C-alpha atoms as a PDB file:
ATOM      1  CA  MET A   1     -27.391  -1.730  32.314  1.00  0.00           C
ATOM      2  CA  ASP A   2     -24.844   0.971  31.451  1.00  0.00           C
ATOM      3  CA  ILE A   3     -24.707   4.411  33.014  1.00  0.00           C
ATOM      4  CA  PHE A   4     -26.249   6.128  29.981  1.00  0.00           C
ATOM      5  CA  LYS A   5     -29.384   3.984  30.121  1.00  0.00           C
ATOM      6  CA  ILE A   6     -29.733   4.602  33.852  1.00  0.00           C
ATOM      7  CA  LEU A   7     -29.415   8.355  33.320  1.00  0.00           C
ATOM      8  CA  LEU A   8     -31.884   8.171  30.437  1.00  0.00           C
ATOM      9  CA  ILE A   9     -34.485   6.461  32.631  1.00  0.00           C
ATOM     10  CA  ILE A  10     -34.013   9.111  35.329  1.00  0.00           C
ATOM     11  CA  HIS A  11     -34.172  11.838  32.684  1.00  0.00           C
ATOM     12  CA  ILE A  12     -37.411  10.500  31.213  1.00  0.00           C
ATOM     13  CA  GLY A  13     -38.882  10.064  34.681  1.00  0.00           C
ATOM     14  CA  GLY A  14     -38.071  13.640  35.662  1.00  0.00           C
ATOM     15  CA  GLY A  15     -39.427  14.979  32.394  1.00  0.00           C
ATOM     16  CA  SER A  16     -42.639  12.998  32.714  1.00  0.00           C
ATOM     17  CA  ILE A  17     -43.226  14.287  36.231  1.00  0.00           C
ATOM     18  CA  ALA A  18     -42.567  17.887  35.180  1.00  0.00           C
ATOM     19  CA  PHE A  19     -44.876  17.504  32.194  1.00  0.00           C
ATOM     20  CA  ILE A  20     -47.727  16.249  34.403  1.00  0.00           C
ATOM     21  CA  VAL A  21     -47.455  18.375  37.557  1.00  0.00           C
ATOM     22  CA  ALA A  22     -47.042  21.817  35.966  1.00  0.00           C
ATOM     23  CA  PRO A  23     -50.689  22.044  34.811  1.00  0.00           C
ATOM     24  CA  VAL A  24     -51.761  20.991  38.315  1.00  0.00           C
ATOM     25  CA  ALA A  25     -49.715  23.797  39.881  1.00  0.00           C
ATOM     26  CA  MET A  26     -51.207  26.294  37.426  1.00  0.00           C
ATOM     27  CA  ALA A  27     -54.770  25.088  38.024  1.00  0.00           C
ATOM     28  CA  VAL A  28     -54.888  25.257  41.838  1.00  0.00           C
ATOM     29  CA  LYS A  29     -55.114  28.438  43.944  1.00  0.00           C
ATOM     30  CA  LYS A  30     -51.967  30.477  43.425  1.00  0.00           C
ATOM     31  CA  GLY A  31     -49.804  30.752  46.520  1.00  0.00           C
ATOM     32  CA  GLY A  32     -51.706  28.025  48.332  1.00  0.00           C
ATOM     33  CA  GLN A  33     -50.246  24.872  49.817  1.00  0.00           C
ATOM     34  CA  HIS A  34     -50.987  22.731  46.766  1.00  0.00           C
ATOM     35  CA  HIS A  35     -49.606  25.330  44.372  1.00  0.00           C
ATOM     36  CA  ARG A  36     -46.354  25.561  46.325  1.00  0.00           C
ATOM     37  CA  ARG A  37     -46.053  21.797  46.661  1.00  0.00           C
ATOM     38  CA  TRP A  38     -46.558  21.037  42.976  1.00  0.00           C
ATOM     39  CA  GLY A  39     -44.467  24.020  41.967  1.00  0.00           C
ATOM     40  CA  LYS A  40     -41.547  22.634  43.971  1.00  0.00           C
ATOM     41  CA  VAL A  41     -42.027  19.194  42.421  1.00  0.00           C
ATOM     42  CA  PHE A  42     -41.947  20.792  38.985  1.00  0.00           C
ATOM     43  CA  PHE A  43     -38.806  22.787  39.748  1.00  0.00           C
ATOM     44  CA  TRP A  44     -36.863  19.826  41.114  1.00  0.00           C
ATOM     45  CA  SER A  45     -38.075  17.613  38.264  1.00  0.00           C
ATOM     46  CA  MET A  46     -36.703  20.161  35.802  1.00  0.00           C
ATOM     47  CA  THR A  47     -33.470  20.165  37.796  1.00  0.00           C
ATOM     48  CA  VAL A  48     -33.219  16.391  37.367  1.00  0.00           C
ATOM     49  CA  VAL A  49     -33.967  16.699  33.649  1.00  0.00           C
ATOM     50  CA  ALA A  50     -31.293  19.346  33.116  1.00  0.00           C
ATOM     51  CA  SER A  51     -28.671  17.599  35.273  1.00  0.00           C
ATOM     52  CA  THR A  52     -29.036  14.256  33.530  1.00  0.00           C
ATOM     53  CA  ALA A  53     -29.078  15.918  30.094  1.00  0.00           C
ATOM     54  CA  ILE A  54     -25.830  17.762  30.843  1.00  0.00           C
ATOM     55  CA  ILE A  55     -24.195  14.467  31.869  1.00  0.00           C
ATOM     56  CA  MET A  56     -25.582  12.470  28.937  1.00  0.00           C
ATOM     57  CA  ALA A  57     -24.907  15.014  26.198  1.00  0.00           C
ATOM     58  CA  PRO A  58     -21.091  14.626  26.110  1.00  0.00           C
ATOM     59  CA  MET A  59     -21.516  10.839  25.936  1.00  0.00           C
ATOM     60  CA  HIS A  60     -23.167  11.273  22.548  1.00  0.00           C
ATOM     61  CA  ASP A  61     -21.268  14.440  21.602  1.00  0.00           C
ATOM     62  CA  ASN A  62     -24.507  16.438  21.634  1.00  0.00           C
ATOM     63  CA  LEU A  63     -23.705  20.112  22.219  1.00  0.00           C
ATOM     64  CA  PHE A  64     -27.252  21.156  21.363  1.00  0.00           C
ATOM     65  CA  LEU A  65     -28.681  19.059  24.206  1.00  0.00           C
ATOM     66  CA  THR A  66     -26.235  20.561  26.706  1.00  0.00           C
ATOM     67  CA  LEU A  67     -27.042  24.145  25.753  1.00  0.00           C
ATOM     68  CA  VAL A  68     -30.814  23.592  25.691  1.00  0.00           C
ATOM     69  CA  ALA A  69     -30.673  21.798  29.055  1.00  0.00           C
ATOM     70  CA  VAL A  70     -29.047  24.819  30.698  1.00  0.00           C
ATOM     71  CA  PHE A  71     -31.509  27.193  29.016  1.00  0.00           C
ATOM     72  CA  SER A  72     -34.519  25.133  30.152  1.00  0.00           C
ATOM     73  CA  PHE A  73     -33.248  24.831  33.717  1.00  0.00           C
ATOM     74  CA  TYR A  74     -32.604  28.554  34.019  1.00  0.00           C
ATOM     75  CA  LEU A  75     -36.202  29.332  33.117  1.00  0.00           C
ATOM     76  CA  ALA A  76     -37.407  27.230  36.046  1.00  0.00           C
ATOM     77  CA  PHE A  77     -34.647  28.519  38.323  1.00  0.00           C
ATOM     78  CA  SER A  78     -35.410  32.155  37.574  1.00  0.00           C
ATOM     79  CA  GLY A  79     -39.131  31.673  38.128  1.00  0.00           C
ATOM     80  CA  TYR A  80     -38.649  29.692  41.325  1.00  0.00           C
ATOM     81  CA  ARG A  81     -36.111  32.119  42.752  1.00  0.00           C
ATOM     82  CA  SER A  82     -38.392  35.087  42.113  1.00  0.00           C
ATOM     83  CA  ILE A  83     -40.471  34.043  45.113  1.00  0.00           C
ATOM     84  CA  TYR A  84     -37.436  34.334  47.380  1.00  0.00           C
ATOM     85  CA  ARG A  85     -36.234  37.549  45.747  1.00  0.00           C
ATOM     86  CA  LYS A  86     -39.262  39.723  46.556  1.00  0.00           C
ATOM     87  CA  ALA A  87     -37.176  42.117  48.645  1.00  0.00           C
ATOM     88  CA  SER A  88     -34.365  42.306  46.096  1.00  0.00           C
ATOM     89  CA  PHE A  89     -36.755  43.540  43.417  1.00  0.00           C
ATOM     90  CA  LYS A  90     -37.031  46.684  45.559  1.00  0.00           C
ATOM     91  CA  ASN A  91     -33.638  47.095  47.233  1.00  0.00           C
ATOM     92  CA  GLY A  92     -31.361  45.594  44.587  1.00  0.00           C
ATOM     93  CA  LYS A  93     -29.611  43.292  47.064  1.00  0.00           C
ATOM     94  CA  THR A  94     -29.370  40.257  44.816  1.00  0.00           C
ATOM     95  CA  ALA A  95     -27.875  37.034  46.143  1.00  0.00           C
ATOM     96  CA  ALA A  96     -24.683  35.730  44.564  1.00  0.00           C
ATOM     97  CA  ILE A  97     -26.408  32.548  43.403  1.00  0.00           C
ATOM     98  CA  ASP A  98     -28.773  34.612  41.233  1.00  0.00           C
ATOM     99  CA  TRP A  99     -25.865  36.477  39.645  1.00  0.00           C
ATOM    100  CA  ILE A 100     -23.946  33.243  39.036  1.00  0.00           C
ATOM    101  CA  PHE A 101     -26.795  31.454  37.289  1.00  0.00           C
ATOM    102  CA  ALA A 102     -27.830  34.518  35.285  1.00  0.00           C
ATOM    103  CA  ILE A 103     -24.284  34.947  33.968  1.00  0.00           C
ATOM    104  CA  LEU A 104     -23.895  31.237  33.263  1.00  0.00           C
ATOM    105  CA  ASN A 105     -27.158  31.181  31.355  1.00  0.00           C
ATOM    106  CA  SER A 106     -26.046  34.242  29.398  1.00  0.00           C
ATOM    107  CA  LEU A 107     -22.887  32.441  28.314  1.00  0.00           C
ATOM    108  CA  PHE A 108     -24.713  29.240  27.392  1.00  0.00           C
ATOM    109  CA  SER A 109     -27.536  31.086  25.614  1.00  0.00           C
ATOM    110  CA  VAL A 110     -25.138  33.177  23.533  1.00  0.00           C
ATOM    111  CA  SER A 111     -23.276  29.962  22.707  1.00  0.00           C
ATOM    112  CA  LEU A 112     -26.569  28.380  21.661  1.00  0.00           C
ATOM    113  CA  LEU A 113     -27.317  31.401  19.473  1.00  0.00           C
ATOM    114  CA  ILE A 114     -23.886  31.236  17.822  1.00  0.00           C
ATOM    115  CA  PHE A 115     -24.258  27.454  17.408  1.00  0.00           C
ATOM    116  CA  GLY A 116     -27.563  28.080  15.656  1.00  0.00           C
ATOM    117  CA  LEU A 117     -26.250  30.806  13.382  1.00  0.00           C
ATOM    118  CA  MET A 118     -23.446  28.509  12.290  1.00  0.00           C
ATOM    119  CA  GLY A 119     -25.993  25.797  11.526  1.00  0.00           C
ATOM    120  CA  LEU A 120     -28.404  27.886   9.454  1.00  0.00           C
ATOM    121  CA  PRO A 121     -30.445  27.155   7.405  1.00  0.00           C
ATOM    122  CA  GLN A 122     -30.597  23.631   8.842  1.00  0.00           C
ATOM    123  CA  ALA A 123     -33.474  22.745  11.167  1.00  0.00           C
ATOM    124  CA  PHE A 124     -31.484  22.666  14.382  1.00  0.00           C
ATOM    125  CA  GLY A 125     -29.847  25.922  13.399  1.00  0.00           C
ATOM    126  CA  ILE A 126     -33.259  27.588  13.364  1.00  0.00           C
ATOM    127  CA  ILE A 127     -34.257  25.972  16.671  1.00  0.00           C
ATOM    128  CA  SER A 128     -30.998  26.970  18.311  1.00  0.00           C
ATOM    129  CA  VAL A 129     -31.287  30.584  17.145  1.00  0.00           C
ATOM    130  CA  VAL A 130     -34.787  30.861  18.606  1.00  0.00           C
ATOM    131  CA  PHE A 131     -33.899  29.270  21.954  1.00  0.00           C
ATOM    132  CA  GLY A 132     -30.568  31.073  22.145  1.00  0.00           C
ATOM    133  CA  THR A 133     -32.229  34.409  21.549  1.00  0.00           C
ATOM    134  CA  LEU A 134     -34.918  33.755  24.161  1.00  0.00           C
ATOM    135  CA  GLY A 135     -32.360  32.577  26.709  1.00  0.00           C
ATOM    136  CA  SER A 136     -30.141  35.602  26.123  1.00  0.00           C
ATOM    137  CA  LEU A 137     -33.074  37.988  26.507  1.00  0.00           C
ATOM    138  CA  MET A 138     -34.196  36.231  29.691  1.00  0.00           C
ATOM    139  CA  SER A 139     -30.752  36.567  31.250  1.00  0.00           C
ATOM    140  CA  LEU A 140     -30.420  40.180  30.134  1.00  0.00           C
ATOM    141  CA  LYS A 141     -33.807  41.015  31.618  1.00  0.00           C
ATOM    142  CA  ASP A 142     -32.859  39.410  34.941  1.00  0.00           C
ATOM    143  CA  ILE A 143     -29.470  41.111  35.087  1.00  0.00           C
ATOM    144  CA  ILE A 144     -31.068  44.487  34.402  1.00  0.00           C
ATOM    145  CA  SER A 145     -33.522  43.839  37.242  1.00  0.00           C
ATOM    146  CA  PHE A 146     -30.559  43.082  39.526  1.00  0.00           C
ATOM    147  CA  ILE A 147     -28.931  46.402  38.667  1.00  0.00           C
ATOM    148  CA  ARG A 148     -32.046  48.548  38.385  1.00  0.00           C
ATOM    149  CA  PRO A 149     -34.765  47.289  40.739  1.00  0.00           C
ATOM    150  CA  SER A 150     -38.305  47.806  39.514  1.00  0.00           C
ATOM    151  CA  ASP A 151     -40.745  50.189  41.172  1.00  0.00           C
ATOM    152  CA  ASP A 152     -43.541  47.699  40.494  1.00  0.00           C
ATOM    153  CA  LYS A 153     -44.260  45.811  43.727  1.00  0.00           C
ATOM    154  CA  HIS A 154     -45.761  42.990  41.671  1.00  0.00           C
ATOM    155  CA  LYS A 155     -42.630  42.487  39.593  1.00  0.00           C
ATOM    156  CA  TRP A 156     -41.676  39.333  41.493  1.00  0.00           C
ATOM    157  CA  LEU A 157     -45.019  37.759  40.556  1.00  0.00           C
ATOM    158  CA  TYR A 158     -44.637  38.514  36.855  1.00  0.00           C
ATOM    159  CA  SER A 159     -41.080  37.166  36.941  1.00  0.00           C
ATOM    160  CA  HIS A 160     -42.263  34.030  38.732  1.00  0.00           C
ATOM    161  CA  MET A 161     -45.009  33.396  36.194  1.00  0.00           C
ATOM    162  CA  THR A 162     -42.710  34.067  33.236  1.00  0.00           C
ATOM    163  CA  GLY A 163     -39.977  31.703  34.401  1.00  0.00           C
ATOM    164  CA  MET A 164     -42.154  28.809  35.498  1.00  0.00           C
ATOM    165  CA  ILE A 165     -44.527  28.908  32.531  1.00  0.00           C
ATOM    166  CA  ALA A 166     -41.650  29.314  30.069  1.00  0.00           C
ATOM    167  CA  ALA A 167     -39.948  26.304  31.668  1.00  0.00           C
ATOM    168  CA  TYR A 168     -43.112  24.287  31.122  1.00  0.00           C
ATOM    169  CA  ILE A 169     -43.217  25.429  27.498  1.00  0.00           C
ATOM    170  CA  ALA A 170     -39.651  24.133  27.173  1.00  0.00           C
ATOM    171  CA  ALA A 171     -40.717  20.796  28.703  1.00  0.00           C
ATOM    172  CA  VAL A 172     -43.625  20.527  26.263  1.00  0.00           C
ATOM    173  CA  SER A 173     -41.256  21.365  23.396  1.00  0.00           C
ATOM    174  CA  ALA A 174     -38.916  18.513  24.324  1.00  0.00           C
ATOM    175  CA  PHE A 175     -41.853  16.129  24.794  1.00  0.00           C
ATOM    176  CA  SER A 176     -43.247  17.093  21.395  1.00  0.00           C
ATOM    177  CA  ALA A 177     -39.933  16.696  19.586  1.00  0.00           C
ATOM    178  CA  VAL A 178     -39.085  13.349  21.178  1.00  0.00           C
ATOM    179  CA  ASN A 179     -42.445  11.615  21.554  1.00  0.00           C
ATOM    180  CA  LEU A 180     -44.789  13.034  18.938  1.00  0.00           C
ATOM    181  CA  ASN A 181     -43.406  11.423  15.828  1.00  0.00           C
ATOM    182  CA  PHE A 182     -45.085  13.635  13.264  1.00  0.00           C
ATOM    183  CA  ASP A 183     -42.584  13.026  10.500  1.00  0.00           C
ATOM    184  CA  TRP A 184     -44.650  15.111   8.120  1.00  0.00           C
ATOM    185  CA  LEU A 185     -43.928  18.189  10.214  1.00  0.00           C
ATOM    186  CA  PRO A 186     -40.574  19.976   9.819  1.00  0.00           C
ATOM    187  CA  ALA A 187     -38.330  19.658  12.874  1.00  0.00           C
ATOM    188  CA  PRO A 188     -38.511  23.397  13.707  1.00  0.00           C
ATOM    189  CA  VAL A 189     -42.302  23.151  13.870  1.00  0.00           C
ATOM    190  CA  GLN A 190     -42.156  20.103  16.161  1.00  0.00           C
ATOM    191  CA  TRP A 191     -39.807  21.970  18.505  1.00  0.00           C
ATOM    192  CA  LEU A 192     -41.225  25.487  18.340  1.00  0.00           C
ATOM    193  CA  TRP A 193     -45.023  25.164  18.196  1.00  0.00           C
ATOM    194  CA  PRO A 194     -45.304  25.210  22.033  1.00  0.00           C
ATOM    195  CA  THR A 195     -43.366  28.499  22.048  1.00  0.00           C
ATOM    196  CA  VAL A 196     -45.503  30.036  19.309  1.00  0.00           C
ATOM    197  CA  ILE A 197     -48.710  29.108  21.149  1.00  0.00           C
ATOM    198  CA  GLY A 198     -47.532  29.241  24.764  1.00  0.00           C
ATOM    199  CA  VAL A 199     -45.745  32.602  24.892  1.00  0.00           C
ATOM    200  CA  PRO A 200     -48.767  34.697  23.749  1.00  0.00           C
ATOM    201  CA  LEU A 201     -50.997  32.799  26.210  1.00  0.00           C
ATOM    202  CA  MET A 202     -48.469  33.429  28.986  1.00  0.00           C
ATOM    203  CA  ARG A 203     -48.321  37.138  28.182  1.00  0.00           C
ATOM    204  CA  THR A 204     -52.123  37.313  28.143  1.00  0.00           C
ATOM    205  CA  TRP A 205     -52.322  35.667  31.567  1.00  0.00           C
ATOM    206  CA  ILE A 206     -49.704  38.007  33.051  1.00  0.00           C
ATOM    207  CA  ASN A 207     -51.406  41.023  31.489  1.00  0.00           C
ATOM    208  CA  SER A 208     -54.682  39.948  33.106  1.00  0.00           C
ATOM    209  CA  TYR A 209     -53.010  40.269  36.524  1.00  0.00           C
ATOM    210  CA  LYS A 210     -51.551  43.637  35.565  1.00  0.00           C
ATOM    211  CA  THR A 211     -55.011  44.836  34.570  1.00  0.00           C
ATOM    212  CA  LYS A 212     -56.517  43.663  37.863  1.00  0.00           C
ATOM    213  CA  PHE A 213     -53.804  45.375  39.904  1.00  0.00           C
ATOM    214  CA  SER A 214     -54.104  48.583  37.885  1.00  0.00           C
ATOM    215  CA  ARG A 215     -57.798  48.664  38.793  1.00  0.00           C
ATOM    216  CA  GLY A 216     -56.962  48.617  42.473  1.00  0.00           C
ATOM    217  CA  LYS A 217     -57.145  44.906  43.204  1.00  0.00           C
ATOM    218  CA  LYS A 218     -54.900  43.824  46.044  1.00  0.00           C
ATOM    219  CA  ILE A 219     -52.470  41.007  45.457  1.00  0.00           C
ATOM    220  CA  GLU A 220     -53.691  39.379  48.676  1.00  0.00           C
ATOM    221  CA  ASN A 221     -57.124  39.029  47.055  1.00  0.00           C
ATOM    222  CA  GLU A 222     -55.653  37.201  44.080  1.00  0.00           C
ATOM    223  CA  LEU A 223     -53.110  34.975  45.796  1.00  0.00           C
ATOM    224  CA  ILE A 224     -52.746  33.152  49.064  1.00  0.00           C
ATOM    225  CA  LEU A 225     -49.518  34.678  50.318  1.00  0.00           C
ATOM    226  CA  ARG A 226     -47.352  33.173  52.987  1.00  0.00           C
ATOM    227  CA  LYS A 227     -43.833  34.091  53.918  1.00  0.00           C
ATOM    228  CA  PRO A 228     -41.363  31.725  52.215  1.00  0.00           C
ATOM    229  CA  PRO A 229     -38.675  29.897  54.171  1.00  0.00           C
ATOM    230  CA  GLU A 230     -35.771  32.104  55.150  1.00  0.00           C
ATOM    231  CA  VAL A 231     -33.244  29.804  53.517  1.00  0.00           C
ATOM    232  CA  GLU A 232     -33.836  28.193  50.158  1.00  0.00           C
ATOM    233  CA  LEU A 233     -31.206  28.174  47.442  1.00  0.00           C
ATOM    234  CA  GLU A 234     -29.629  31.101  49.229  1.00  0.00           C
ATOM    235  CA  ASN A 235     -26.012  31.893  49.916  1.00  0.00           C
END
């Protein structure tokens, strides 16, 4: 068995795990032991998916796969890191690793956007423009939060939800495009329907928390909060 097939098996395995465990993490009590456990499994599964994709893509000269892999990983990274950046949302002391990945994702997302614009009106041009735009906006939003910390003490929670749910939407998008062989559907639809459906649902869910907090609900009443480890993906 050659190296590509081995990487492909690992890639599919990681993607399958991420696809399955994310709904479990979203269904259980937020902040509880099970939520944290399955959330970590999802994050590291997405890391495996992105890492193997980045290695495999040059083997088949697939620039699109490389750029999308980085974009998908950053969504999970940003959401996962938000838990460990609670203090930085207030004091602006952002770790170097957050700056590095935000800048890298900016570069890759802009490249994906340019790649898409050059490919318009072809299907993958449309897909690349959408993902490139979303990735660029995500990085810009994070960088702005590094420079200008938010006054909202719940900002870390909204950032966590946005990143992790968006990463799952990306996983569903890849699963749909690769495994759901609906040839009668245009390629952009096969790739983008999870985004069209998932993003409004994500915003609705986040807004529900904002409404609760605006009415005086305490975050401790909505989540089981425990102090995260002192060192995790930190400098």
